[in-house]
N, C-alpha and C. Protein backbone atom coordinates (compact mmCIF):
# COMPACT_ATOMS: atom_id res chain seq x y z
N MET A 1 18.36 23.34 10.36
CA MET A 1 17.74 21.91 11.15
C MET A 1 18.18 20.60 10.46
N SER A 2 18.07 20.14 11.48
CA SER A 2 18.84 18.38 11.88
C SER A 2 18.60 17.30 10.46
N ARG A 3 19.01 16.53 9.74
CA ARG A 3 18.99 15.70 9.20
C ARG A 3 17.45 14.78 9.97
N ARG A 4 17.30 14.62 10.99
CA ARG A 4 16.64 13.56 11.74
C ARG A 4 15.16 14.82 11.46
N GLU A 5 15.94 16.01 12.24
CA GLU A 5 13.98 16.79 12.19
C GLU A 5 13.44 16.76 10.41
N THR A 6 14.85 17.18 10.09
CA THR A 6 14.34 17.54 8.31
C THR A 6 13.15 15.56 8.22
N ILE A 7 13.86 14.77 7.66
CA ILE A 7 12.99 13.58 7.78
C ILE A 7 11.48 13.27 8.55
N SER A 8 12.00 13.98 9.66
CA SER A 8 10.75 14.15 11.09
C SER A 8 9.21 14.76 9.90
N ALA A 9 9.63 15.51 9.56
CA ALA A 9 9.12 16.63 9.14
C ALA A 9 8.45 16.45 7.66
N ARG A 10 9.37 15.40 6.76
CA ARG A 10 8.80 14.81 5.48
C ARG A 10 7.46 13.56 6.22
N GLN A 11 7.93 12.91 7.37
CA GLN A 11 7.41 12.39 7.20
C GLN A 11 5.70 12.59 8.04
N ASP A 12 6.15 13.78 8.15
CA ASP A 12 4.66 14.05 8.80
C ASP A 12 3.63 14.67 8.08
N LYS A 13 4.42 15.39 7.24
CA LYS A 13 3.75 15.53 5.47
C LYS A 13 3.21 14.65 4.62
N LEU A 14 3.79 13.53 4.88
CA LEU A 14 3.28 12.30 4.48
C LEU A 14 2.22 11.43 5.06
N LYS A 15 2.33 11.79 6.20
CA LYS A 15 1.65 10.87 6.73
C LYS A 15 -0.04 12.07 6.96
N GLU A 16 0.21 13.18 7.02
CA GLU A 16 -1.29 14.06 6.77
C GLU A 16 -1.70 14.15 5.25
N ALA A 17 -1.03 13.70 4.16
CA ALA A 17 -1.48 13.34 2.89
C ALA A 17 -1.68 12.42 2.70
N PHE A 18 -1.10 11.59 3.58
CA PHE A 18 -2.20 9.85 3.26
C PHE A 18 -3.24 9.91 3.98
N LEU A 19 -3.03 10.71 5.44
CA LEU A 19 -5.17 10.58 5.51
C LEU A 19 -5.68 11.29 5.05
N GLU A 20 -5.33 12.24 4.81
CA GLU A 20 -6.87 13.12 3.96
C GLU A 20 -7.00 12.11 2.76
N GLN A 21 -5.91 11.70 2.67
CA GLN A 21 -6.38 10.68 0.84
C GLN A 21 -6.84 9.41 0.96
N LEU A 22 -6.43 9.15 2.96
CA LEU A 22 -7.53 7.69 2.94
C LEU A 22 -9.23 8.07 3.18
N LYS A 23 -9.22 9.56 3.57
CA LYS A 23 -10.48 9.74 3.33
C LYS A 23 -11.33 10.29 2.15
N ARG A 24 -10.84 10.07 1.20
CA ARG A 24 -11.25 10.08 -0.20
C ARG A 24 -11.39 9.41 -0.59
N THR A 25 -10.20 8.09 -0.11
CA THR A 25 -10.18 6.42 -1.01
C THR A 25 -10.49 5.64 0.20
N PRO A 26 -11.23 5.32 0.44
CA PRO A 26 -11.21 4.28 1.42
C PRO A 26 -10.15 2.98 2.00
N THR A 27 -9.50 3.10 0.43
CA THR A 27 -8.56 1.55 1.24
C THR A 27 -7.29 1.65 1.02
N ILE A 28 -6.72 1.29 1.80
CA ILE A 28 -4.79 1.41 2.51
C ILE A 28 -4.00 1.97 1.17
N GLU A 29 -4.02 0.57 -0.10
CA GLU A 29 -3.22 0.21 -1.17
C GLU A 29 -3.78 1.43 -2.10
N THR A 30 -5.29 1.91 -2.23
CA THR A 30 -4.87 3.08 -3.21
C THR A 30 -4.09 4.38 -2.71
N SER A 31 -4.40 4.42 -1.77
CA SER A 31 -4.22 5.98 -0.76
C SER A 31 -2.34 5.78 -0.77
N CYS A 32 -1.98 4.73 -0.68
CA CYS A 32 -0.29 4.59 -0.73
C CYS A 32 0.17 5.16 -1.96
N GLN A 33 -0.20 4.76 -3.71
CA GLN A 33 -0.19 4.57 -4.32
C GLN A 33 -0.50 6.07 -4.66
N LYS A 34 -1.47 7.03 -4.28
CA LYS A 34 -1.87 8.44 -4.57
C LYS A 34 -1.06 8.85 -3.83
N VAL A 35 -0.43 8.51 -2.74
CA VAL A 35 0.39 9.79 -1.94
C VAL A 35 2.05 9.02 -2.57
N GLY A 36 2.18 8.25 -2.75
CA GLY A 36 3.87 8.16 -3.47
C GLY A 36 4.29 7.37 -2.37
N VAL A 37 4.17 6.32 -1.04
CA VAL A 37 4.01 5.90 -0.26
C VAL A 37 3.95 4.27 0.36
N ALA A 38 5.19 3.98 0.13
CA ALA A 38 5.10 2.06 0.36
C ALA A 38 3.99 1.49 1.81
N ARG A 39 3.07 0.63 1.44
CA ARG A 39 1.95 0.49 2.49
C ARG A 39 3.06 -0.56 4.05
N ALA A 40 3.98 -1.17 3.37
CA ALA A 40 4.25 -1.27 4.43
C ALA A 40 5.42 -0.53 5.45
N THR A 41 5.27 0.91 4.78
CA THR A 41 5.61 2.11 5.45
C THR A 41 4.51 2.50 6.49
N VAL A 42 3.81 2.74 5.66
CA VAL A 42 1.92 3.25 6.37
C VAL A 42 2.04 1.92 7.37
N TYR A 43 2.14 0.66 7.78
CA TYR A 43 1.66 -0.30 8.52
C TYR A 43 2.88 -0.13 9.77
N ARG A 44 3.89 0.39 9.05
CA ARG A 44 5.52 0.51 10.41
C ARG A 44 4.89 1.56 11.42
N TRP A 45 4.18 2.69 10.36
CA TRP A 45 3.37 3.77 10.87
C TRP A 45 2.86 3.42 12.16
N VAL A 46 1.55 2.84 12.08
CA VAL A 46 0.28 2.35 12.38
C VAL A 46 0.78 1.24 14.18
N ASN A 47 1.52 0.39 13.53
CA ASN A 47 1.73 -0.15 14.55
C ASN A 47 2.81 0.57 15.54
N GLY A 48 3.96 1.40 14.89
CA GLY A 48 4.76 2.26 16.12
C GLY A 48 4.08 3.21 15.86
N ASN A 49 2.83 3.89 16.41
CA ASN A 49 2.40 4.85 17.13
C ASN A 49 0.83 5.11 16.74
N LYS A 50 -0.03 4.43 18.18
CA LYS A 50 -1.27 4.60 18.72
C LYS A 50 -2.06 5.19 17.96
N ARG A 51 -1.46 6.36 18.43
CA ARG A 51 -2.48 8.00 17.83
C ARG A 51 -2.48 8.43 16.33
N PHE A 52 -1.39 7.34 15.83
CA PHE A 52 -1.78 7.55 14.10
C PHE A 52 -2.74 6.76 13.73
N LYS A 53 -2.61 5.26 14.30
CA LYS A 53 -3.53 4.33 13.94
C LYS A 53 -4.55 4.55 14.11
N GLU A 54 -4.78 5.56 15.60
CA GLU A 54 -6.46 5.99 15.27
C GLU A 54 -6.67 6.89 14.39
N LYS A 55 -6.13 7.81 14.35
CA LYS A 55 -6.03 8.19 12.62
C LYS A 55 -6.64 7.77 11.33
N VAL A 56 -6.24 6.93 11.22
CA VAL A 56 -6.33 6.25 10.19
C VAL A 56 -7.69 5.77 10.28
N ASP A 57 -7.95 5.13 11.77
CA ASP A 57 -9.11 4.63 11.71
C ASP A 57 -10.24 5.51 12.10
N ASP A 58 -10.25 6.30 11.87
CA ASP A 58 -10.58 7.31 11.98
C ASP A 58 -11.33 7.98 10.47
N ALA A 59 -9.99 7.95 9.52
CA ALA A 59 -10.10 7.69 8.06
C ALA A 59 -11.01 7.29 7.57
N LEU A 60 -10.68 5.67 7.82
CA LEU A 60 -11.58 4.76 7.03
C LEU A 60 -12.78 4.78 7.20
N ILE A 61 -13.27 5.48 7.94
CA ILE A 61 -14.52 5.40 9.11
C ILE A 61 -15.02 6.64 7.80
N GLN A 62 -14.19 7.88 7.70
CA GLN A 62 -15.01 9.11 7.66
C GLN A 62 -14.93 8.86 6.10
N GLY A 63 -13.80 8.00 5.17
CA GLY A 63 -13.97 7.26 3.36
C GLY A 63 -14.68 7.16 2.87
N ARG A 64 -15.31 5.87 3.98
CA ARG A 64 -16.35 4.69 3.83
C ARG A 64 -17.77 5.42 3.54
N THR A 65 -17.73 6.46 4.69
CA THR A 65 -19.33 7.33 4.72
C THR A 65 -19.57 8.25 3.53
N PHE A 66 -17.75 8.56 2.91
CA PHE A 66 -17.93 9.63 1.96
C PHE A 66 -18.44 8.77 1.01
N MET A 67 -18.07 6.85 0.70
CA MET A 67 -18.23 5.96 -0.69
C MET A 67 -19.62 5.91 -1.03
N SER A 68 -20.05 5.22 0.34
CA SER A 68 -21.66 4.99 0.30
C SER A 68 -22.67 6.64 -0.08
N ASP A 69 -22.17 7.79 0.57
CA ASP A 69 -22.52 8.95 -0.30
C ASP A 69 -23.09 8.96 -1.53
N LEU A 70 -21.45 8.76 -2.41
CA LEU A 70 -21.11 8.59 -3.99
C LEU A 70 -22.34 7.53 -4.43
N ALA A 71 -22.14 6.79 -3.79
CA ALA A 71 -23.19 5.30 -4.20
C ALA A 71 -24.73 5.67 -4.35
N GLU A 72 -25.24 6.19 -2.99
CA GLU A 72 -26.00 6.24 -2.79
C GLU A 72 -26.66 7.93 -3.94
N ASN A 73 -26.03 8.68 -4.12
CA ASN A 73 -26.21 9.46 -5.00
C ASN A 73 -26.53 9.21 -6.53
N GLN A 74 -25.38 7.95 -6.95
CA GLN A 74 -25.47 7.01 -8.31
C GLN A 74 -26.80 6.35 -7.91
N LEU A 75 -27.09 5.59 -7.11
CA LEU A 75 -27.92 4.88 -7.46
C LEU A 75 -29.93 5.90 -7.60
N PHE A 76 -29.93 6.83 -6.43
CA PHE A 76 -30.51 7.90 -6.85
C PHE A 76 -30.92 8.36 -8.27
N SER A 77 -29.89 8.49 -9.27
CA SER A 77 -29.76 9.22 -10.73
C SER A 77 -30.10 8.10 -11.25
N LEU A 78 -29.66 6.81 -10.91
CA LEU A 78 -30.45 5.24 -12.00
C LEU A 78 -31.49 5.38 -11.89
N ILE A 79 -32.14 5.45 -10.37
CA ILE A 79 -34.00 5.80 -10.32
C ILE A 79 -34.49 5.80 -11.09
N GLY A 80 -33.78 7.10 -10.97
CA GLY A 80 -34.58 8.87 -11.53
C GLY A 80 -34.49 8.44 -13.34
N GLU A 81 -33.32 7.56 -13.60
CA GLU A 81 -33.30 7.45 -14.95
C GLU A 81 -34.46 5.97 -15.36
N LYS A 82 -35.09 5.79 -14.53
CA LYS A 82 -35.77 4.31 -14.39
C LYS A 82 -34.96 3.63 -14.95
N LYS A 83 -34.32 2.74 -14.24
CA LYS A 83 -33.40 1.99 -14.50
C LYS A 83 -33.55 0.80 -13.14
N ILE A 84 -34.27 -0.55 -14.24
CA ILE A 84 -34.56 -1.07 -13.33
C ILE A 84 -34.29 -2.16 -12.40
N GLU A 85 -32.96 -2.75 -12.92
CA GLU A 85 -31.87 -2.90 -11.73
C GLU A 85 -31.23 -2.32 -10.70
N ALA A 86 -31.72 -0.80 -10.11
CA ALA A 86 -31.67 0.31 -9.15
C ALA A 86 -32.70 0.71 -8.30
N ILE A 87 -33.87 0.63 -9.22
CA ILE A 87 -35.47 -0.10 -8.35
C ILE A 87 -35.61 -0.96 -7.68
N ARG A 88 -34.93 -2.07 -7.88
CA ARG A 88 -34.90 -3.41 -7.54
C ARG A 88 -34.02 -3.20 -6.66
N MET A 89 -33.01 -3.10 -6.92
CA MET A 89 -32.21 -2.85 -5.52
C MET A 89 -32.05 -2.68 -4.05
N TYR A 90 -33.10 -1.15 -4.28
CA TYR A 90 -32.58 0.41 -3.42
C TYR A 90 -34.34 -0.77 -2.13
N LEU A 91 -35.74 -0.83 -3.34
CA LEU A 91 -36.75 -1.61 -3.02
C LEU A 91 -36.38 -2.87 -1.70
N SER A 92 -35.05 -3.77 -2.61
CA SER A 92 -35.01 -5.01 -1.70
C SER A 92 -34.24 -4.46 -0.57
N THR A 93 -33.61 -3.16 -0.57
CA THR A 93 -33.08 -3.09 0.71
C THR A 93 -33.63 -2.18 1.51
N HIS A 94 -34.47 -1.53 1.13
CA HIS A 94 -35.10 -0.94 2.03
C HIS A 94 -36.83 -0.70 2.12
N ASN A 95 -37.36 -1.80 1.52
CA ASN A 95 -38.47 -2.16 2.19
C ASN A 95 -39.04 -3.46 2.02
N PRO A 96 -38.94 -3.60 3.32
CA PRO A 96 -39.74 -5.43 3.42
C PRO A 96 -40.63 -6.13 2.32
N ARG A 97 -41.25 -5.55 2.02
CA ARG A 97 -42.28 -6.55 1.03
C ARG A 97 -41.47 -6.70 -0.08
N TYR A 98 -40.53 -6.22 -0.60
CA TYR A 98 -40.00 -6.61 -1.52
C TYR A 98 -38.09 -7.42 -1.24
N SER A 99 -37.98 -6.96 0.16
CA SER A 99 -36.91 -7.97 0.41
C SER A 99 -36.47 -9.57 0.29
N ASN A 100 -35.97 -10.46 0.01
CA ASN A 100 -35.79 -11.47 -0.26
C ASN A 100 -36.27 -12.43 0.98
N LYS A 101 -37.07 -13.31 0.73
CA LYS A 101 -37.75 -14.28 1.79
C LYS A 101 -37.54 -15.90 1.62
N LEU A 102 -37.54 -16.34 2.64
CA LEU A 102 -36.94 -17.20 2.93
C LEU A 102 -38.48 -17.92 3.56
N GLU A 103 -39.30 -18.90 3.17
CA GLU A 103 -40.27 -19.57 4.40
C GLU A 103 -39.28 -20.70 4.76
N LEU A 104 -39.79 -21.07 5.72
CA LEU A 104 -40.02 -22.37 6.50
C LEU A 104 -40.60 -23.00 7.11
N SER A 105 -40.89 -24.13 7.31
CA SER A 105 -42.48 -24.87 7.79
C SER A 105 -41.50 -25.85 8.32
N GLY A 106 -42.58 -26.75 8.96
CA GLY A 106 -41.78 -27.67 9.36
C GLY A 106 -42.43 -28.18 10.99
N SER A 107 -41.98 -29.13 11.68
CA SER A 107 -41.88 -29.38 13.71
C SER A 107 -41.10 -29.82 13.48
N ILE A 108 -40.38 -29.18 14.79
CA ILE A 108 -39.34 -30.03 15.95
C ILE A 108 -40.04 -30.96 16.98
N ALA A 109 -39.20 -32.39 17.03
CA ALA A 109 -39.60 -32.77 18.22
C ALA A 109 -38.45 -33.65 18.78
N THR A 110 -38.52 -33.44 19.90
CA THR A 110 -37.54 -33.84 21.03
C THR A 110 -37.72 -34.78 21.59
N LYS A 111 -36.95 -35.83 22.09
CA LYS A 111 -37.09 -36.86 22.57
C LYS A 111 -36.27 -36.62 24.56
N ASP A 112 -36.73 -37.32 25.51
CA ASP A 112 -35.70 -37.03 26.88
C ASP A 112 -35.71 -38.22 26.78
N GLU A 113 -34.87 -38.93 26.14
CA GLU A 113 -34.49 -40.86 26.31
C GLU A 113 -32.97 -40.40 27.23
N PRO A 114 -32.88 -41.17 28.11
CA PRO A 114 -31.57 -41.97 28.63
C PRO A 114 -30.36 -41.83 27.78
N LEU A 115 -28.61 -41.68 27.62
CA LEU A 115 -27.99 -41.69 27.09
C LEU A 115 -27.33 -43.46 27.27
N THR A 116 -27.04 -44.19 26.29
CA THR A 116 -26.42 -45.49 26.60
C THR A 116 -25.73 -45.44 27.10
N LYS A 117 -24.41 -46.51 27.97
CA LYS A 117 -23.58 -46.82 28.66
C LYS A 117 -22.26 -46.16 27.70
N GLU A 118 -22.62 -46.25 26.55
CA GLU A 118 -21.26 -46.72 25.22
C GLU A 118 -20.83 -44.65 24.96
N GLN A 119 -22.45 -44.05 24.98
CA GLN A 119 -22.35 -42.64 25.22
C GLN A 119 -21.71 -41.62 26.49
N LYS A 120 -22.40 -42.69 27.02
CA LYS A 120 -22.01 -42.04 28.69
C LYS A 120 -20.34 -42.53 28.92
N SER A 121 -20.33 -43.16 28.48
CA SER A 121 -18.80 -43.81 28.56
C SER A 121 -17.59 -42.29 27.66
N LEU A 122 -18.12 -42.32 25.84
CA LEU A 122 -16.91 -41.24 25.40
C LEU A 122 -17.24 -40.35 26.22
N ILE A 123 -18.44 -39.59 26.62
CA ILE A 123 -18.52 -38.13 27.20
C ILE A 123 -18.01 -37.92 28.27
N LYS A 124 -17.71 -39.24 29.10
CA LYS A 124 -16.66 -38.83 30.24
C LYS A 124 -15.25 -39.42 29.72
N LYS A 125 -14.71 -39.73 28.77
CA LYS A 125 -13.07 -39.85 28.51
C LYS A 125 -13.20 -38.47 27.48
N ALA A 126 -13.99 -38.04 26.97
CA ALA A 126 -13.89 -36.73 26.10
C ALA A 126 -13.94 -35.32 27.40
N LEU A 127 -14.70 -35.65 28.37
CA LEU A 127 -14.40 -34.55 29.58
C LEU A 127 -12.90 -34.72 30.50
N GLN A 128 -12.56 -36.39 29.98
CA GLN A 128 -11.28 -36.35 30.95
C GLN A 128 -10.39 -35.43 30.10
N LEU A 129 -10.10 -35.29 28.57
CA LEU A 129 -9.69 -35.56 27.47
C LEU A 129 -9.33 -34.11 27.57
N SER A 130 -10.26 -33.53 28.16
CA SER A 130 -10.54 -31.90 27.67
C SER A 130 -9.59 -31.11 28.75
N SER A 131 -9.52 -31.42 29.92
CA SER A 131 -8.35 -30.43 30.82
C SER A 131 -7.57 -30.71 31.28
N LEU A 132 -6.86 -30.37 32.24
CA LEU A 132 -5.08 -30.46 31.71
C LEU A 132 -5.18 -31.13 33.44
N HIS A 133 -6.71 -30.70 34.26
CA HIS A 133 -7.02 -31.08 35.47
C HIS A 133 -7.94 -31.45 35.46
N THR A 134 -8.17 -32.47 36.98
CA THR A 134 -9.48 -33.16 37.12
C THR A 134 -10.36 -32.72 38.61
N TYR A 135 -11.05 -32.97 38.32
CA TYR A 135 -11.96 -32.78 40.28
C TYR A 135 -12.03 -33.99 40.77
N ASP A 136 -11.70 -34.39 42.10
CA ASP A 136 -11.74 -35.31 42.88
C ASP A 136 -12.85 -34.56 44.09
N LYS A 137 -13.36 -35.32 44.80
CA LYS A 137 -13.99 -35.20 46.01
C LYS A 137 -13.05 -35.67 46.99
N SER A 138 -12.86 -34.54 47.72
CA SER A 138 -11.78 -35.32 49.66
C SER A 138 -12.99 -36.27 50.37
N LYS A 139 -12.41 -36.37 51.32
CA LYS A 139 -13.02 -37.20 52.29
C LYS A 139 -14.65 -35.94 52.95
N THR A 140 -14.90 -34.85 53.10
CA THR A 140 -15.22 -34.19 53.83
C THR A 140 -16.29 -33.95 52.60
N GLY A 141 -16.12 -34.43 51.48
CA GLY A 141 -16.90 -34.65 50.22
C GLY A 141 -17.20 -32.41 49.50
N LYS A 142 -16.33 -32.39 49.43
CA LYS A 142 -16.40 -30.68 48.67
C LYS A 142 -15.03 -31.04 48.01
N ALA A 143 -15.86 -30.74 46.31
CA ALA A 143 -14.63 -30.69 45.55
C ALA A 143 -13.47 -29.33 45.80
N TYR A 144 -12.32 -30.08 45.19
CA TYR A 144 -11.51 -29.79 45.08
C TYR A 144 -10.54 -30.15 44.03
N ARG A 145 -9.62 -29.01 43.36
CA ARG A 145 -8.77 -29.33 41.97
C ARG A 145 -7.56 -30.18 42.26
N LYS A 146 -7.45 -30.90 41.67
CA LYS A 146 -5.94 -31.21 41.38
C LYS A 146 -5.35 -31.33 40.07
N ASN A 147 -4.06 -31.57 40.05
CA ASN A 147 -3.15 -30.68 38.92
C ASN A 147 -2.93 -32.42 38.24
N SER A 148 -3.36 -32.57 37.40
CA SER A 148 -3.33 -34.32 37.11
C SER A 148 -1.99 -34.85 36.20
N GLN A 149 -1.27 -33.62 36.27
CA GLN A 149 0.09 -33.61 35.66
C GLN A 149 1.26 -34.45 36.63
N GLY A 150 0.84 -33.94 37.98
CA GLY A 150 1.98 -33.87 38.86
C GLY A 150 1.22 -34.36 39.49
């Protein structure tokens, strides 16, 4: 086996170990530390290989799902132990009767007033500054685009 093949085989094993770790601890930093590979190396692999990037994204999704399941399991255990914080947290996120509420009351009035000359002037100036092109009308009345730079 050539040196290049040996390096490639070692990298493939590291990549697989990294992906498996990522499924258990869905953070790049922690997974890098557990596998013993530098973050810069992982990002080089991700940027250089679209298929590996997709595998990393999939592993992150699986890892986050796994961690959510663990967290929910712990939450249900705490609810079973009658921990009021856990009960309150679960109810506030799963039952609209217990969620945080914000009540707004009031009225909105709108006025249909014409713009002042100053307001019209400011709007016209802003529109002129906002584009590199202006629109002029030809003798026929049709609009055409005219480059204001040249």
